[in-house]
Each structure stands twice: as C-alpha cells, then as structure tokens.
Amino acid sequence: MKSLERNKVSFYYSLYDGKSPVEDEDGNETGEYEVSYEEPVEMKANISAARGETSTRQFGELINYDKVISISDLSCPIDEHTVLWVDGTDTTKPHDYLVVKVAKSLNNLSIAISKVNVRE
C-alpha cells in the first residue's frame, strides 16, 4: 500500500560517512575515533506515534524502538548506521534518533528508530 501524502511529515537523515583516528596536540593517535556523517537530507514519510504494545512484532521480540518510519520508496538509502532529526529539524543541533532496524517487504520499508540524547 502506498503512503498517502497527507500522512507524511518531514524529517532529516544523515548517512554514515566513516571514522577517522583522533590525534593529540603532538599528532599522535589517541586510540579514539571520530565518526563522520554526510550532509543531512530532508525526506517525507509516515512516522508512527510513540510505540505501544501491539500484536505484530515486525522487528522481532528483543528489538527496543520508539517509533516506526514507513516508506514506500524501496530505494531509500537509510540503514542501521544512519542518524535522524525527527522531533526537531534543526540540523545544526545533534541528531535526536538512531536507526535500530530496517525491515524491507515487497512494497514497503519499515524503519525502527530509537530516541537518543546527544550532548552538544
């Protein structure tokens, strides 16, 4: 079933770009890595309300998630390494959701997302 345009809301996603080693002031690697992401991209999709108990467990029994994004475009590049801005669309601030699991069906892509608090 296709997503209705009137049910779609805007959100931003940023794909994982890689990680690079962190260096100290002398140029030595510290053993830590800095993760980088691509520029945020705006997208519209159907995002569920906060999760409650349901009888359908499309992501399995042990997956903890807060909302589900339903997308009818199967070419969507969002994966488990993507960060999202759902509740706030100010992409200059830290992201507010992480992708937990992506479930692909014949006509639909369901993405389980979890709320996070990232400090600036």
N, C-alpha and C. Protein backbone atom coordinates (compact mmCIF):
# COMPACT_ATOMS: atom_id res chain seq x y z
N MET A 1 0.84 -1.17 0.00
CA MET A 1 0.00 0.00 0.00
C MET A 1 0.89 1.24 0.00
N LYS A 2 0.56 2.19 -0.82
CA LYS A 2 1.34 3.42 -0.93
C LYS A 2 1.03 4.35 0.24
N SER A 3 2.01 5.15 0.62
CA SER A 3 1.84 6.13 1.68
C SER A 3 1.08 7.34 1.14
N LEU A 4 0.10 7.80 1.89
CA LEU A 4 -0.64 8.99 1.49
C LEU A 4 0.19 10.22 1.78
N GLU A 5 0.20 11.18 0.87
CA GLU A 5 0.98 12.40 1.04
C GLU A 5 0.56 13.17 2.29
N ARG A 6 -0.71 13.18 2.60
CA ARG A 6 -1.18 13.95 3.76
C ARG A 6 -0.74 13.35 5.09
N ASN A 7 -0.31 12.10 5.10
CA ASN A 7 0.16 11.46 6.32
C ASN A 7 1.67 11.59 6.51
N LYS A 8 2.35 12.15 5.53
CA LYS A 8 3.81 12.25 5.60
C LYS A 8 4.24 13.51 6.35
N VAL A 9 5.32 13.37 7.11
CA VAL A 9 5.92 14.50 7.80
C VAL A 9 7.39 14.58 7.40
N SER A 10 7.95 15.77 7.52
CA SER A 10 9.35 15.97 7.16
C SER A 10 10.27 15.56 8.30
N PHE A 11 11.40 14.98 7.94
CA PHE A 11 12.47 14.69 8.88
C PHE A 11 13.77 14.72 8.07
N TYR A 12 14.88 14.70 8.77
CA TYR A 12 16.19 14.71 8.11
C TYR A 12 16.96 13.46 8.49
N TYR A 13 17.75 12.96 7.56
CA TYR A 13 18.62 11.83 7.85
C TYR A 13 20.03 12.15 7.36
N SER A 14 21.00 11.52 8.00
CA SER A 14 22.39 11.71 7.61
C SER A 14 23.06 10.34 7.59
N LEU A 15 23.61 9.97 6.44
CA LEU A 15 24.23 8.66 6.27
C LEU A 15 25.64 8.63 6.85
N TYR A 16 26.04 7.49 7.36
CA TYR A 16 27.37 7.26 7.91
C TYR A 16 28.41 7.45 6.81
N ASP A 17 29.46 8.24 7.11
CA ASP A 17 30.49 8.52 6.11
C ASP A 17 31.81 7.82 6.43
N GLY A 18 32.04 7.48 7.68
CA GLY A 18 33.28 6.80 8.06
C GLY A 18 33.78 7.28 9.41
N LYS A 19 34.95 6.80 9.78
CA LYS A 19 35.54 7.24 11.04
C LYS A 19 37.03 7.49 10.81
N SER A 20 37.57 8.43 11.58
CA SER A 20 38.98 8.77 11.46
C SER A 20 39.60 8.82 12.84
N PRO A 21 40.87 8.47 12.97
CA PRO A 21 41.51 8.46 14.28
C PRO A 21 41.68 9.88 14.84
N VAL A 22 41.49 10.00 16.15
CA VAL A 22 41.68 11.27 16.84
C VAL A 22 43.15 11.39 17.23
N GLU A 23 43.73 12.55 16.97
CA GLU A 23 45.14 12.78 17.31
C GLU A 23 45.25 13.80 18.43
N ASP A 24 46.26 13.65 19.27
CA ASP A 24 46.50 14.64 20.32
C ASP A 24 47.25 15.83 19.75
N GLU A 25 47.63 16.77 20.62
CA GLU A 25 48.28 18.00 20.16
C GLU A 25 49.65 17.76 19.52
N ASP A 26 50.26 16.59 19.78
CA ASP A 26 51.57 16.26 19.18
C ASP A 26 51.44 15.47 17.88
N GLY A 27 50.21 15.18 17.47
CA GLY A 27 50.00 14.43 16.24
C GLY A 27 49.98 12.93 16.42
N ASN A 28 49.95 12.45 17.67
CA ASN A 28 49.90 11.01 17.95
C ASN A 28 48.46 10.55 18.05
N GLU A 29 48.18 9.36 17.55
CA GLU A 29 46.83 8.81 17.65
C GLU A 29 46.51 8.47 19.10
N THR A 30 45.29 8.80 19.53
CA THR A 30 44.89 8.58 20.92
C THR A 30 44.23 7.22 21.13
N GLY A 31 43.89 6.53 20.07
CA GLY A 31 43.16 5.27 20.18
C GLY A 31 41.66 5.46 20.06
N GLU A 32 41.21 6.70 20.02
CA GLU A 32 39.80 7.02 19.85
C GLU A 32 39.55 7.36 18.38
N TYR A 33 38.28 7.29 17.99
CA TYR A 33 37.91 7.60 16.61
C TYR A 33 36.78 8.62 16.60
N GLU A 34 36.77 9.45 15.59
CA GLU A 34 35.70 10.41 15.38
C GLU A 34 34.87 9.95 14.20
N VAL A 35 33.58 9.80 14.44
CA VAL A 35 32.65 9.34 13.41
C VAL A 35 32.18 10.54 12.61
N SER A 36 32.11 10.38 11.29
CA SER A 36 31.61 11.47 10.45
C SER A 36 30.40 10.99 9.64
N TYR A 37 29.53 11.94 9.36
CA TYR A 37 28.32 11.67 8.60
C TYR A 37 28.23 12.63 7.42
N GLU A 38 27.48 12.22 6.40
CA GLU A 38 27.25 13.07 5.25
C GLU A 38 26.32 14.22 5.64
N GLU A 39 26.15 15.18 4.74
CA GLU A 39 25.25 16.30 4.98
C GLU A 39 23.82 15.78 5.15
N PRO A 40 23.04 16.34 6.09
CA PRO A 40 21.65 15.91 6.28
C PRO A 40 20.80 16.14 5.03
N VAL A 41 19.89 15.20 4.79
CA VAL A 41 18.99 15.25 3.64
C VAL A 41 17.55 15.22 4.15
N GLU A 42 16.71 16.08 3.60
CA GLU A 42 15.30 16.11 4.01
C GLU A 42 14.52 15.01 3.29
N MET A 43 13.57 14.42 4.02
CA MET A 43 12.72 13.38 3.45
C MET A 43 11.36 13.47 4.10
N LYS A 44 10.33 13.02 3.40
CA LYS A 44 8.98 12.97 3.97
C LYS A 44 8.54 11.52 4.01
N ALA A 45 7.97 11.12 5.15
CA ALA A 45 7.49 9.75 5.30
C ALA A 45 6.45 9.70 6.41
N ASN A 46 5.80 8.57 6.52
CA ASN A 46 4.83 8.34 7.59
C ASN A 46 5.60 7.87 8.82
N ILE A 47 5.53 8.65 9.91
CA ILE A 47 6.21 8.31 11.16
C ILE A 47 5.15 8.03 12.21
N SER A 48 5.24 6.86 12.83
CA SER A 48 4.24 6.47 13.81
C SER A 48 4.34 7.33 15.06
N ALA A 49 3.28 7.29 15.86
CA ALA A 49 3.33 7.91 17.18
C ALA A 49 4.23 7.05 18.06
N ALA A 50 4.46 7.49 19.27
CA ALA A 50 5.30 6.71 20.17
C ALA A 50 4.77 5.29 20.27
N ARG A 51 5.67 4.36 20.37
CA ARG A 51 5.34 2.94 20.32
C ARG A 51 4.57 2.49 21.56
N GLY A 52 3.63 1.61 21.34
CA GLY A 52 2.92 0.93 22.41
C GLY A 52 2.99 -0.55 22.13
N GLU A 53 2.29 -1.31 22.88
CA GLU A 53 2.27 -2.75 22.64
C GLU A 53 1.34 -3.08 21.49
N THR A 54 1.79 -3.91 20.60
CA THR A 54 0.95 -4.38 19.51
C THR A 54 1.13 -5.88 19.39
N SER A 55 0.27 -6.50 18.63
CA SER A 55 0.39 -7.94 18.45
C SER A 55 1.34 -8.28 17.31
N THR A 56 1.64 -7.31 16.45
CA THR A 56 2.57 -7.54 15.35
C THR A 56 3.97 -7.16 15.80
N ARG A 57 4.91 -8.06 15.63
CA ARG A 57 6.28 -7.80 16.02
C ARG A 57 7.16 -7.94 14.77
N GLN A 58 7.09 -6.91 13.93
CA GLN A 58 7.77 -6.98 12.64
C GLN A 58 9.28 -6.92 12.74
N PHE A 59 9.82 -6.48 13.88
CA PHE A 59 11.27 -6.39 14.03
C PHE A 59 11.82 -7.46 14.97
N GLY A 60 10.98 -8.35 15.49
CA GLY A 60 11.43 -9.39 16.40
C GLY A 60 11.03 -9.09 17.83
N GLU A 61 11.38 -9.97 18.72
CA GLU A 61 10.96 -9.86 20.11
C GLU A 61 11.87 -8.98 20.96
N LEU A 62 13.15 -8.89 20.66
CA LEU A 62 14.08 -8.22 21.55
C LEU A 62 14.55 -6.86 21.06
N ILE A 63 13.96 -6.34 20.02
CA ILE A 63 14.35 -5.04 19.48
C ILE A 63 13.60 -3.95 20.25
N ASN A 64 14.33 -2.99 20.82
CA ASN A 64 13.73 -1.88 21.54
C ASN A 64 13.74 -0.65 20.64
N TYR A 65 12.57 -0.12 20.35
CA TYR A 65 12.47 1.05 19.48
C TYR A 65 11.32 1.93 19.94
N ASP A 66 11.33 3.20 19.53
CA ASP A 66 10.33 4.16 19.97
C ASP A 66 9.29 4.49 18.91
N LYS A 67 9.70 4.58 17.65
CA LYS A 67 8.79 4.91 16.56
C LYS A 67 9.15 4.08 15.34
N VAL A 68 8.24 4.08 14.36
CA VAL A 68 8.48 3.38 13.10
C VAL A 68 8.24 4.35 11.95
N ILE A 69 9.20 4.40 11.04
CA ILE A 69 9.06 5.19 9.82
C ILE A 69 8.67 4.23 8.70
N SER A 70 7.58 4.54 8.01
CA SER A 70 7.13 3.72 6.88
C SER A 70 7.37 4.48 5.59
N ILE A 71 8.11 3.85 4.69
CA ILE A 71 8.47 4.48 3.42
C ILE A 71 8.12 3.52 2.28
N SER A 72 7.46 4.03 1.24
CA SER A 72 7.10 3.18 0.11
C SER A 72 8.19 3.16 -0.97
N ASP A 73 9.21 4.01 -0.84
CA ASP A 73 10.31 4.06 -1.78
C ASP A 73 11.39 3.05 -1.35
N LEU A 74 11.47 1.93 -2.01
CA LEU A 74 12.40 0.87 -1.62
C LEU A 74 13.86 1.21 -1.92
N SER A 75 14.10 2.30 -2.65
CA SER A 75 15.48 2.71 -2.93
C SER A 75 16.03 3.65 -1.85
N CYS A 76 15.30 3.84 -0.78
CA CYS A 76 15.72 4.72 0.31
C CYS A 76 17.05 4.21 0.88
N PRO A 77 18.06 5.09 1.03
CA PRO A 77 19.39 4.64 1.46
C PRO A 77 19.56 4.49 2.97
N ILE A 78 18.54 4.76 3.76
CA ILE A 78 18.67 4.69 5.23
C ILE A 78 18.99 3.27 5.67
N ASP A 79 20.02 3.14 6.53
CA ASP A 79 20.39 1.84 7.08
C ASP A 79 20.62 1.96 8.59
N GLU A 80 21.16 0.92 9.22
CA GLU A 80 21.33 0.89 10.67
C GLU A 80 22.41 1.84 11.18
N HIS A 81 23.15 2.49 10.31
CA HIS A 81 24.21 3.41 10.72
C HIS A 81 23.80 4.88 10.53
N THR A 82 22.55 5.12 10.21
CA THR A 82 22.05 6.45 9.90
C THR A 82 21.56 7.15 11.17
N VAL A 83 21.78 8.46 11.24
CA VAL A 83 21.24 9.27 12.33
C VAL A 83 20.11 10.13 11.78
N LEU A 84 19.15 10.49 12.65
CA LEU A 84 17.94 11.19 12.21
C LEU A 84 17.61 12.39 13.08
N TRP A 85 16.98 13.38 12.46
CA TRP A 85 16.38 14.51 13.16
C TRP A 85 14.88 14.39 12.89
N VAL A 86 14.11 13.94 13.88
CA VAL A 86 12.68 13.70 13.70
C VAL A 86 11.86 14.73 14.46
N ASP A 87 12.09 14.86 15.77
CA ASP A 87 11.31 15.80 16.58
C ASP A 87 11.72 17.24 16.35
N GLY A 88 12.98 17.46 16.07
CA GLY A 88 13.46 18.80 15.75
C GLY A 88 14.19 18.75 14.42
N THR A 89 13.90 19.68 13.56
CA THR A 89 14.51 19.64 12.23
C THR A 89 15.66 20.63 12.09
N ASP A 90 16.21 21.11 13.22
CA ASP A 90 17.37 21.99 13.19
C ASP A 90 18.62 21.12 13.14
N THR A 91 19.16 20.94 11.94
CA THR A 91 20.28 20.02 11.75
C THR A 91 21.62 20.59 12.23
N THR A 92 21.62 21.83 12.75
CA THR A 92 22.84 22.36 13.36
C THR A 92 22.99 21.83 14.78
N LYS A 93 21.92 21.28 15.33
CA LYS A 93 21.95 20.66 16.65
C LYS A 93 22.17 19.17 16.48
N PRO A 94 22.57 18.46 17.54
CA PRO A 94 22.78 17.00 17.42
C PRO A 94 21.49 16.26 17.04
N HIS A 95 21.66 15.11 16.40
CA HIS A 95 20.52 14.28 16.00
C HIS A 95 19.75 13.82 17.23
N ASP A 96 18.47 13.43 17.03
CA ASP A 96 17.66 13.00 18.16
C ASP A 96 17.17 11.55 18.06
N TYR A 97 17.44 10.88 16.95
CA TYR A 97 17.07 9.47 16.81
C TYR A 97 18.17 8.70 16.10
N LEU A 98 18.24 7.41 16.41
CA LEU A 98 19.13 6.47 15.72
C LEU A 98 18.27 5.39 15.09
N VAL A 99 18.74 4.84 13.98
CA VAL A 99 18.05 3.72 13.35
C VAL A 99 18.43 2.44 14.09
N VAL A 100 17.43 1.68 14.51
CA VAL A 100 17.67 0.43 15.23
C VAL A 100 17.64 -0.76 14.27
N LYS A 101 16.64 -0.77 13.38
CA LYS A 101 16.48 -1.91 12.47
C LYS A 101 15.70 -1.46 11.25
N VAL A 102 16.05 -2.04 10.10
CA VAL A 102 15.33 -1.78 8.86
C VAL A 102 14.71 -3.09 8.40
N ALA A 103 13.40 -3.08 8.15
CA ALA A 103 12.70 -4.26 7.67
C ALA A 103 12.12 -3.94 6.29
N LYS A 104 12.55 -4.70 5.30
CA LYS A 104 12.13 -4.46 3.92
C LYS A 104 11.12 -5.54 3.52
N SER A 105 9.98 -5.08 2.98
CA SER A 105 9.00 -6.03 2.45
C SER A 105 8.88 -5.81 0.96
N LEU A 106 7.92 -6.44 0.34
CA LEU A 106 7.75 -6.34 -1.10
C LEU A 106 7.46 -4.92 -1.57
N ASN A 107 6.62 -4.18 -0.82
CA ASN A 107 6.20 -2.84 -1.24
C ASN A 107 6.53 -1.73 -0.27
N ASN A 108 7.16 -2.05 0.86
CA ASN A 108 7.32 -1.07 1.91
C ASN A 108 8.64 -1.27 2.65
N LEU A 109 9.12 -0.19 3.23
CA LEU A 109 10.32 -0.21 4.06
C LEU A 109 9.90 0.30 5.43
N SER A 110 10.09 -0.49 6.47
CA SER A 110 9.78 -0.08 7.84
C SER A 110 11.09 0.09 8.58
N ILE A 111 11.24 1.24 9.23
CA ILE A 111 12.48 1.55 9.92
C ILE A 111 12.18 1.82 11.39
N ALA A 112 12.70 0.98 12.27
CA ALA A 112 12.53 1.17 13.70
C ALA A 112 13.58 2.17 14.17
N ILE A 113 13.14 3.21 14.90
CA ILE A 113 14.07 4.23 15.38
C ILE A 113 13.94 4.39 16.88
N SER A 114 15.03 4.82 17.51
CA SER A 114 15.07 4.96 18.96
C SER A 114 15.55 6.36 19.32
N LYS A 115 14.90 6.98 20.29
CA LYS A 115 15.24 8.33 20.76
C LYS A 115 16.56 8.29 21.52
N VAL A 116 17.41 9.30 21.28
CA VAL A 116 18.68 9.43 21.99
C VAL A 116 18.86 10.88 22.45
N ASN A 117 19.67 11.07 23.46
CA ASN A 117 20.04 12.40 23.92
C ASN A 117 21.53 12.58 23.66
N VAL A 118 21.87 13.38 22.68
CA VAL A 118 23.26 13.63 22.32
C VAL A 118 23.64 15.00 22.86
N ARG A 119 24.70 15.06 23.62
CA ARG A 119 25.16 16.33 24.17
C ARG A 119 25.93 17.11 23.13
N GLU A 120 25.77 18.41 23.18
CA GLU A 120 26.49 19.27 22.22
C GLU A 120 27.92 19.47 22.66
